[in-house]
C-alpha atoms as a PDB file:
ATOM      1  CA  UNK A   1       7.637 -42.030 -11.788  1.00  0.00           C
ATOM      2  CA  UNK A   2       6.016 -44.069  -9.102  1.00  0.00           C
ATOM      3  CA  UNK A   3       6.310 -42.834  -5.565  1.00  0.00           C
ATOM      4  CA  UNK A   4       5.747 -44.890  -2.474  1.00  0.00           C
ATOM      5  CA  UNK A   5       5.749 -44.132   1.177  1.00  0.00           C
ATOM      6  CA  UNK A   6       5.352 -40.604   2.573  1.00  0.00           C
ATOM      7  CA  UNK A   7       7.569 -39.722   5.480  1.00  0.00           C
ATOM      8  CA  UNK A   8       7.750 -36.291   7.011  1.00  0.00           C
ATOM      9  CA  UNK A   9       8.348 -34.269  10.128  1.00  0.00           C
ATOM     10  CA  UNK A  10       6.758 -30.793  10.624  1.00  0.00           C
ATOM     11  CA  UNK A  11       9.053 -27.923  11.359  1.00  0.00           C
ATOM     12  CA  UNK A  12       7.923 -24.965  13.512  1.00  0.00           C
ATOM     13  CA  UNK A  13       9.498 -21.599  12.810  1.00  0.00           C
ATOM     14  CA  UNK A  14       8.993 -18.519  15.077  1.00  0.00           C
ATOM     15  CA  UNK A  15      10.713 -15.180  15.198  1.00  0.00           C
ATOM     16  CA  UNK A  16      10.146 -12.130  17.479  1.00  0.00           C
ATOM     17  CA  UNK A  17       9.204  -8.899  15.804  1.00  0.00           C
ATOM     18  CA  UNK A  18      11.272  -5.791  16.630  1.00  0.00           C
ATOM     19  CA  UNK A  19       8.101  -3.754  16.428  1.00  0.00           C
ATOM     20  CA  UNK A  20       4.884  -5.434  17.576  1.00  0.00           C
ATOM     21  CA  UNK A  21       1.725  -4.427  15.716  1.00  0.00           C
ATOM     22  CA  UNK A  22      -2.023  -4.784  16.171  1.00  0.00           C
ATOM     23  CA  UNK A  23      -4.945  -5.818  14.111  1.00  0.00           C
ATOM     24  CA  UNK A  24      -8.564  -6.032  15.270  1.00  0.00           C
ATOM     25  CA  UNK A  25      -8.047  -9.301  17.232  1.00  0.00           C
ATOM     26  CA  UNK A  26      -5.029  -8.330  19.205  1.00  0.00           C
ATOM     27  CA  UNK A  27      -1.277  -7.537  19.307  1.00  0.00           C
ATOM     28  CA  UNK A  28       1.166  -9.577  17.300  1.00  0.00           C
ATOM     29  CA  UNK A  29       4.672  -9.896  18.759  1.00  0.00           C
ATOM     30  CA  UNK A  30       6.054 -12.738  16.698  1.00  0.00           C
ATOM     31  CA  UNK A  31       5.678 -14.327  13.267  1.00  0.00           C
ATOM     32  CA  UNK A  32       5.362 -18.143  12.872  1.00  0.00           C
ATOM     33  CA  UNK A  33       5.053 -20.807  10.239  1.00  0.00           C
ATOM     34  CA  UNK A  34       4.676 -24.570  10.175  1.00  0.00           C
ATOM     35  CA  UNK A  35       6.614 -26.106   7.316  1.00  0.00           C
ATOM     36  CA  UNK A  36       5.862 -29.636   6.178  1.00  0.00           C
ATOM     37  CA  UNK A  37       8.415 -31.731   4.324  1.00  0.00           C
ATOM     38  CA  UNK A  38       7.125 -34.841   2.581  1.00  0.00           C
ATOM     39  CA  UNK A  39       9.744 -37.372   1.444  1.00  0.00           C
ATOM     40  CA  UNK A  40       8.823 -40.406  -0.713  1.00  0.00           C
ATOM     41  CA  UNK A  41      10.630 -43.768  -0.695  1.00  0.00           C
ATOM     42  CA  UNK A  42      12.026 -42.856  -4.097  1.00  0.00           C
ATOM     43  CA  UNK A  43      13.765 -39.773  -2.751  1.00  0.00           C
ATOM     44  CA  UNK A  44      11.467 -37.086  -4.087  1.00  0.00           C
ATOM     45  CA  UNK A  45      10.899 -34.337  -1.533  1.00  0.00           C
ATOM     46  CA  UNK A  46       8.054 -31.796  -1.433  1.00  0.00           C
ATOM     47  CA  UNK A  47       7.552 -28.800   0.831  1.00  0.00           C
ATOM     48  CA  UNK A  48       4.379 -27.185   2.005  1.00  0.00           C
ATOM     49  CA  UNK A  49       3.394 -24.505   4.468  1.00  0.00           C
ATOM     50  CA  UNK A  50       0.566 -24.405   7.002  1.00  0.00           C
ATOM     51  CA  UNK A  51      -0.410 -20.678   7.213  1.00  0.00           C
ATOM     52  CA  UNK A  52      -0.294 -19.313  10.779  1.00  0.00           C
ATOM     53  CA  UNK A  53      -2.817 -16.541  10.585  1.00  0.00           C
ATOM     54  CA  UNK A  54      -2.661 -13.625  12.938  1.00  0.00           C
ATOM     55  CA  UNK A  55      -2.249 -14.756  16.531  1.00  0.00           C
ATOM     56  CA  UNK A  56      -2.116 -18.535  15.752  1.00  0.00           C
ATOM     57  CA  UNK A  57       0.833 -20.388  17.249  1.00  0.00           C
ATOM     58  CA  UNK A  58       2.549 -22.580  14.677  1.00  0.00           C
ATOM     59  CA  UNK A  59       2.661 -25.408  17.155  1.00  0.00           C
ATOM     60  CA  UNK A  60      -1.109 -26.100  16.685  1.00  0.00           C
ATOM     61  CA  UNK A  61      -0.754 -27.028  13.039  1.00  0.00           C
ATOM     62  CA  UNK A  62       2.410 -29.032  13.794  1.00  0.00           C
ATOM     63  CA  UNK A  63       0.496 -30.990  16.438  1.00  0.00           C
ATOM     64  CA  UNK A  64      -2.226 -31.729  13.894  1.00  0.00           C
ATOM     65  CA  UNK A  65       0.275 -32.958  11.357  1.00  0.00           C
ATOM     66  CA  UNK A  66       2.258 -35.110  13.769  1.00  0.00           C
ATOM     67  CA  UNK A  67      -0.583 -36.350  15.910  1.00  0.00           C
ATOM     68  CA  UNK A  68      -3.355 -37.024  13.453  1.00  0.00           C
ATOM     69  CA  UNK A  69      -2.659 -36.404   9.737  1.00  0.00           C
ATOM     70  CA  UNK A  70       0.632 -38.153   9.319  1.00  0.00           C
ATOM     71  CA  UNK A  71      -0.814 -41.619  10.075  1.00  0.00           C
ATOM     72  CA  UNK A  72      -3.478 -41.035   7.356  1.00  0.00           C
ATOM     73  CA  UNK A  73      -0.984 -40.548   4.495  1.00  0.00           C
ATOM     74  CA  UNK A  74       2.224 -42.461   5.275  1.00  0.00           C
ATOM     75  CA  UNK A  75       2.382 -45.368   2.843  1.00  0.00           C
ATOM     76  CA  UNK A  76      -0.111 -43.784   0.403  1.00  0.00           C
ATOM     77  CA  UNK A  77       0.501 -42.832  -3.163  1.00  0.00           C
ATOM     78  CA  UNK A  78       1.611 -39.166  -3.094  1.00  0.00           C
ATOM     79  CA  UNK A  79       0.631 -38.748  -6.767  1.00  0.00           C
ATOM     80  CA  UNK A  80      -3.002 -38.753  -5.790  1.00  0.00           C
ATOM     81  CA  UNK A  81      -3.234 -35.430  -3.850  1.00  0.00           C
ATOM     82  CA  UNK A  82      -6.988 -34.992  -4.431  1.00  0.00           C
ATOM     83  CA  UNK A  83      -7.725 -38.429  -2.951  1.00  0.00           C
ATOM     84  CA  UNK A  84      -5.519 -37.742   0.058  1.00  0.00           C
ATOM     85  CA  UNK A  85      -6.962 -34.219   0.622  1.00  0.00           C
ATOM     86  CA  UNK A  86     -10.474 -35.638   0.895  1.00  0.00           C
ATOM     87  CA  UNK A  87      -9.207 -38.442   3.192  1.00  0.00           C
ATOM     88  CA  UNK A  88      -7.681 -35.866   5.527  1.00  0.00           C
ATOM     89  CA  UNK A  89     -10.604 -33.558   5.425  1.00  0.00           C
ATOM     90  CA  UNK A  90     -13.318 -36.139   6.019  1.00  0.00           C
ATOM     91  CA  UNK A  91     -11.368 -37.808   8.826  1.00  0.00           C
ATOM     92  CA  UNK A  92     -11.124 -34.487  10.695  1.00  0.00           C
ATOM     93  CA  UNK A  93     -14.616 -33.289   9.791  1.00  0.00           C
ATOM     94  CA  UNK A  94     -15.813 -33.373  13.404  1.00  0.00           C
ATOM     95  CA  UNK A  95     -13.040 -31.296  14.846  1.00  0.00           C
ATOM     96  CA  UNK A  96     -11.434 -29.620  11.812  1.00  0.00           C
ATOM     97  CA  UNK A  97     -13.094 -27.919   8.757  1.00  0.00           C
ATOM     98  CA  UNK A  98     -11.338 -24.591   9.437  1.00  0.00           C
ATOM     99  CA  UNK A  99      -8.565 -22.840  11.255  1.00  0.00           C
ATOM    100  CA  UNK A 100      -5.311 -24.617  12.157  1.00  0.00           C
ATOM    101  CA  UNK A 101      -6.409 -28.046  11.118  1.00  0.00           C
ATOM    102  CA  UNK A 102      -7.269 -26.913   7.605  1.00  0.00           C
ATOM    103  CA  UNK A 103      -3.910 -25.116   7.542  1.00  0.00           C
ATOM    104  CA  UNK A 104      -2.192 -28.307   8.449  1.00  0.00           C
ATOM    105  CA  UNK A 105      -4.026 -30.208   5.703  1.00  0.00           C
ATOM    106  CA  UNK A 106      -2.932 -27.442   3.268  1.00  0.00           C
ATOM    107  CA  UNK A 107       0.660 -27.867   4.281  1.00  0.00           C
ATOM    108  CA  UNK A 108       0.542 -31.557   3.331  1.00  0.00           C
ATOM    109  CA  UNK A 109      -1.478 -30.826   0.192  1.00  0.00           C
ATOM    110  CA  UNK A 110       1.057 -28.215  -1.071  1.00  0.00           C
ATOM    111  CA  UNK A 111       3.925 -30.642  -0.434  1.00  0.00           C
ATOM    112  CA  UNK A 112       2.090 -33.412  -2.349  1.00  0.00           C
ATOM    113  CA  UNK A 113       1.543 -31.184  -5.344  1.00  0.00           C
ATOM    114  CA  UNK A 114       5.230 -30.163  -5.184  1.00  0.00           C
ATOM    115  CA  UNK A 115       6.113 -33.893  -5.371  1.00  0.00           C
ATOM    116  CA  UNK A 116       3.656 -34.404  -8.274  1.00  0.00           C
ATOM    117  CA  UNK A 117       5.262 -31.584 -10.244  1.00  0.00           C
ATOM    118  CA  UNK A 118       8.736 -32.915  -9.698  1.00  0.00           C
ATOM    119  CA  UNK A 119       7.766 -36.521 -10.469  1.00  0.00           C
ATOM    120  CA  UNK A 120       5.969 -35.556 -13.679  1.00  0.00           C
ATOM    121  CA  UNK A 121       8.469 -32.876 -14.567  1.00  0.00           C
ATOM    122  CA  UNK A 122       5.701 -30.355 -15.122  1.00  0.00           C
ATOM    123  CA  UNK A 123       4.624 -27.033 -13.555  1.00  0.00           C
ATOM    124  CA  UNK A 124       1.910 -27.674 -10.894  1.00  0.00           C
ATOM    125  CA  UNK A 125      -0.283 -25.108 -12.748  1.00  0.00           C
ATOM    126  CA  UNK A 126      -0.426 -27.421 -15.716  1.00  0.00           C
ATOM    127  CA  UNK A 127      -1.295 -30.402 -13.445  1.00  0.00           C
ATOM    128  CA  UNK A 128      -4.166 -28.257 -12.099  1.00  0.00           C
ATOM    129  CA  UNK A 129      -5.557 -27.589 -15.533  1.00  0.00           C
ATOM    130  CA  UNK A 130      -3.405 -24.772 -16.920  1.00  0.00           C
ATOM    131  CA  UNK A 131      -2.851 -21.058 -16.551  1.00  0.00           C
ATOM    132  CA  UNK A 132      -5.443 -18.518 -17.605  1.00  0.00           C
ATOM    133  CA  UNK A 133      -2.942 -15.633 -17.173  1.00  0.00           C
ATOM    134  CA  UNK A 134       0.762 -15.158 -16.547  1.00  0.00           C
ATOM    135  CA  UNK A 135       0.499 -11.817 -14.745  1.00  0.00           C
ATOM    136  CA  UNK A 136      -1.647 -10.541 -11.971  1.00  0.00           C
ATOM    137  CA  UNK A 137      -2.233  -7.114 -10.552  1.00  0.00           C
ATOM    138  CA  UNK A 138      -0.691  -6.717  -7.053  1.00  0.00           C
ATOM    139  CA  UNK A 139      -2.357  -4.675  -4.337  1.00  0.00           C
ATOM    140  CA  UNK A 140      -0.878  -3.174  -1.203  1.00  0.00           C
ATOM    141  CA  UNK A 141      -1.936  -4.292   2.217  1.00  0.00           C
ATOM    142  CA  UNK A 142      -0.830  -3.589   5.698  1.00  0.00           C
ATOM    143  CA  UNK A 143      -2.172  -0.642   7.653  1.00  0.00           C
ATOM    144  CA  UNK A 144      -1.568  -2.341  10.964  1.00  0.00           C
ATOM    145  CA  UNK A 145      -1.643  -0.350  14.185  1.00  0.00           C
ATOM    146  CA  UNK A 146       1.332   0.564  16.205  1.00  0.00           C
ATOM    147  CA  UNK A 147      -0.590   2.276  18.978  1.00  0.00           C
ATOM    148  CA  UNK A 148      -4.194   1.342  18.471  1.00  0.00           C
ATOM    149  CA  UNK A 149      -6.946   3.827  17.884  1.00  0.00           C
ATOM    150  CA  UNK A 150      -6.341   7.394  16.623  1.00  0.00           C
ATOM    151  CA  UNK A 151      -3.799   6.543  13.971  1.00  0.00           C
ATOM    152  CA  UNK A 152      -5.686   7.840  10.922  1.00  0.00           C
ATOM    153  CA  UNK A 153      -3.054  10.316   9.878  1.00  0.00           C
ATOM    154  CA  UNK A 154      -0.170   7.834  10.009  1.00  0.00           C
ATOM    155  CA  UNK A 155      -2.238   5.258   8.051  1.00  0.00           C
ATOM    156  CA  UNK A 156      -3.053   7.843   5.378  1.00  0.00           C
ATOM    157  CA  UNK A 157       0.656   8.513   5.097  1.00  0.00           C
ATOM    158  CA  UNK A 158       1.218   4.784   4.580  1.00  0.00           C
ATOM    159  CA  UNK A 159      -1.409   4.791   1.841  1.00  0.00           C
ATOM    160  CA  UNK A 160       0.239   7.815   0.234  1.00  0.00           C
ATOM    161  CA  UNK A 161       3.485   5.874   0.095  1.00  0.00           C
ATOM    162  CA  UNK A 162       1.829   2.860  -1.627  1.00  0.00           C
ATOM    163  CA  UNK A 163       0.204   5.147  -4.141  1.00  0.00           C
ATOM    164  CA  UNK A 164       3.572   6.758  -4.897  1.00  0.00           C
ATOM    165  CA  UNK A 165       4.948   3.336  -5.664  1.00  0.00           C
ATOM    166  CA  UNK A 166       2.321   2.685  -8.286  1.00  0.00           C
ATOM    167  CA  UNK A 167      -0.156   0.484  -6.540  1.00  0.00           C
ATOM    168  CA  UNK A 168      -3.681   0.985  -7.895  1.00  0.00           C
ATOM    169  CA  UNK A 169      -5.446  -1.018  -5.234  1.00  0.00           C
ATOM    170  CA  UNK A 170      -5.153  -0.949  -1.404  1.00  0.00           C
ATOM    171  CA  UNK A 171      -6.557  -3.236   1.345  1.00  0.00           C
ATOM    172  CA  UNK A 172      -7.005  -1.374   4.609  1.00  0.00           C
ATOM    173  CA  UNK A 173      -7.037  -3.179   8.021  1.00  0.00           C
ATOM    174  CA  UNK A 174      -9.951  -1.875  10.120  1.00  0.00           C
ATOM    175  CA  UNK A 175     -11.907  -3.183  13.076  1.00  0.00           C
ATOM    176  CA  UNK A 176     -10.987  -0.707  15.888  1.00  0.00           C
ATOM    177  CA  UNK A 177     -14.517   0.641  16.270  1.00  0.00           C
ATOM    178  CA  UNK A 178     -16.826   2.139  13.636  1.00  0.00           C
ATOM    179  CA  UNK A 179     -15.958   5.761  14.507  1.00  0.00           C
ATOM    180  CA  UNK A 180     -12.242   5.086  14.275  1.00  0.00           C
ATOM    181  CA  UNK A 181     -12.647   3.109  11.055  1.00  0.00           C
ATOM    182  CA  UNK A 182     -14.504   5.981   9.486  1.00  0.00           C
ATOM    183  CA  UNK A 183     -11.843   8.464  10.538  1.00  0.00           C
ATOM    184  CA  UNK A 184      -9.142   6.254   8.973  1.00  0.00           C
ATOM    185  CA  UNK A 185     -10.988   5.895   5.686  1.00  0.00           C
ATOM    186  CA  UNK A 186     -11.705   9.564   5.446  1.00  0.00           C
ATOM    187  CA  UNK A 187      -8.043  10.454   5.480  1.00  0.00           C
ATOM    188  CA  UNK A 188      -7.003   7.510   3.247  1.00  0.00           C
ATOM    189  CA  UNK A 189      -9.574   8.512   0.591  1.00  0.00           C
ATOM    190  CA  UNK A 190      -7.978  11.933   0.463  1.00  0.00           C
ATOM    191  CA  UNK A 191      -4.705  10.520  -0.743  1.00  0.00           C
ATOM    192  CA  UNK A 192      -6.057   7.484  -2.665  1.00  0.00           C
ATOM    193  CA  UNK A 193      -8.882   9.075  -4.683  1.00  0.00           C
ATOM    194  CA  UNK A 194      -8.252   7.077  -7.839  1.00  0.00           C
ATOM    195  CA  UNK A 195      -7.339   3.780  -6.269  1.00  0.00           C
ATOM    196  CA  UNK A 196      -9.446   0.722  -5.638  1.00  0.00           C
ATOM    197  CA  UNK A 197      -9.894   0.478  -1.871  1.00  0.00           C
ATOM    198  CA  UNK A 198     -10.824  -2.661  -0.017  1.00  0.00           C
ATOM    199  CA  UNK A 199     -11.320  -3.081   3.786  1.00  0.00           C
ATOM    200  CA  UNK A 200     -10.596  -6.032   6.065  1.00  0.00           C
ATOM    201  CA  UNK A 201     -11.894  -5.905   9.650  1.00  0.00           C
ATOM    202  CA  UNK A 202     -10.697  -9.489  10.452  1.00  0.00           C
ATOM    203  CA  UNK A 203     -14.109 -10.556  11.927  1.00  0.00           C
ATOM    204  CA  UNK A 204     -14.198  -7.684  14.408  1.00  0.00           C
ATOM    205  CA  UNK A 205     -17.884  -7.021  14.010  1.00  0.00           C
ATOM    206  CA  UNK A 206     -21.260  -8.707  14.211  1.00  0.00           C
ATOM    207  CA  UNK A 207     -23.861  -8.207  11.495  1.00  0.00           C
ATOM    208  CA  UNK A 208     -25.351  -4.942  12.857  1.00  0.00           C
ATOM    209  CA  UNK A 209     -22.022  -3.179  13.238  1.00  0.00           C
ATOM    210  CA  UNK A 210     -20.787  -4.407   9.837  1.00  0.00           C
ATOM    211  CA  UNK A 211     -23.982  -3.157   8.098  1.00  0.00           C
ATOM    212  CA  UNK A 212     -23.602   0.212   9.878  1.00  0.00           C
ATOM    213  CA  UNK A 213     -19.933   0.556   8.853  1.00  0.00           C
ATOM    214  CA  UNK A 214     -20.842  -0.334   5.260  1.00  0.00           C
ATOM    215  CA  UNK A 215     -23.643   2.210   5.126  1.00  0.00           C
ATOM    216  CA  UNK A 216     -21.499   4.932   6.581  1.00  0.00           C
ATOM    217  CA  UNK A 217     -18.671   4.243   4.108  1.00  0.00           C
ATOM    218  CA  UNK A 218     -21.147   4.472   1.219  1.00  0.00           C
ATOM    219  CA  UNK A 219     -22.098   8.051   2.153  1.00  0.00           C
END
């Protein structure tokens, strides 16, 4: 089926959290998302989401969609998502390339692939080349702070709960200082001895601190 013009608004969602939490970059008191709805002139609608990571306000991606990206795709063929992705990326190269602008491009891109799947009546995975697997192993993440430093015992209890539910892999949020990170990992390893453990400091450290933390964790 041929699709013509692309018309869409971007929709900002935000909700306050009953319990704020912290990661290495600060305290999070609300969750947000920027949803992009793309509608063709033949009535096919696709939806995409621009990820709002961490402390990012959803309004930034919405402004990128409405102020810049929309004019680059309205009237284009939505069944050419690769062509349109490169058009959006290269146009914003001098002020995009990462962060909220890439998230905004992703929101449009996801919506275009949604349209392509509906227009061709095929799973998007098939349009992208096929599926190598139908099942993936899930891992448990979280381990955010409710107070800040000194929460090693509570985080170990969280890990214990994930292990009890059958998770074989955990991703631990760190980045509150090397000493605090080591204290957290010491207690988590005591309850997750047979699990695969990953860490995520969310760009809290420079090279020297990251190397020091890695060496300490290897001991």
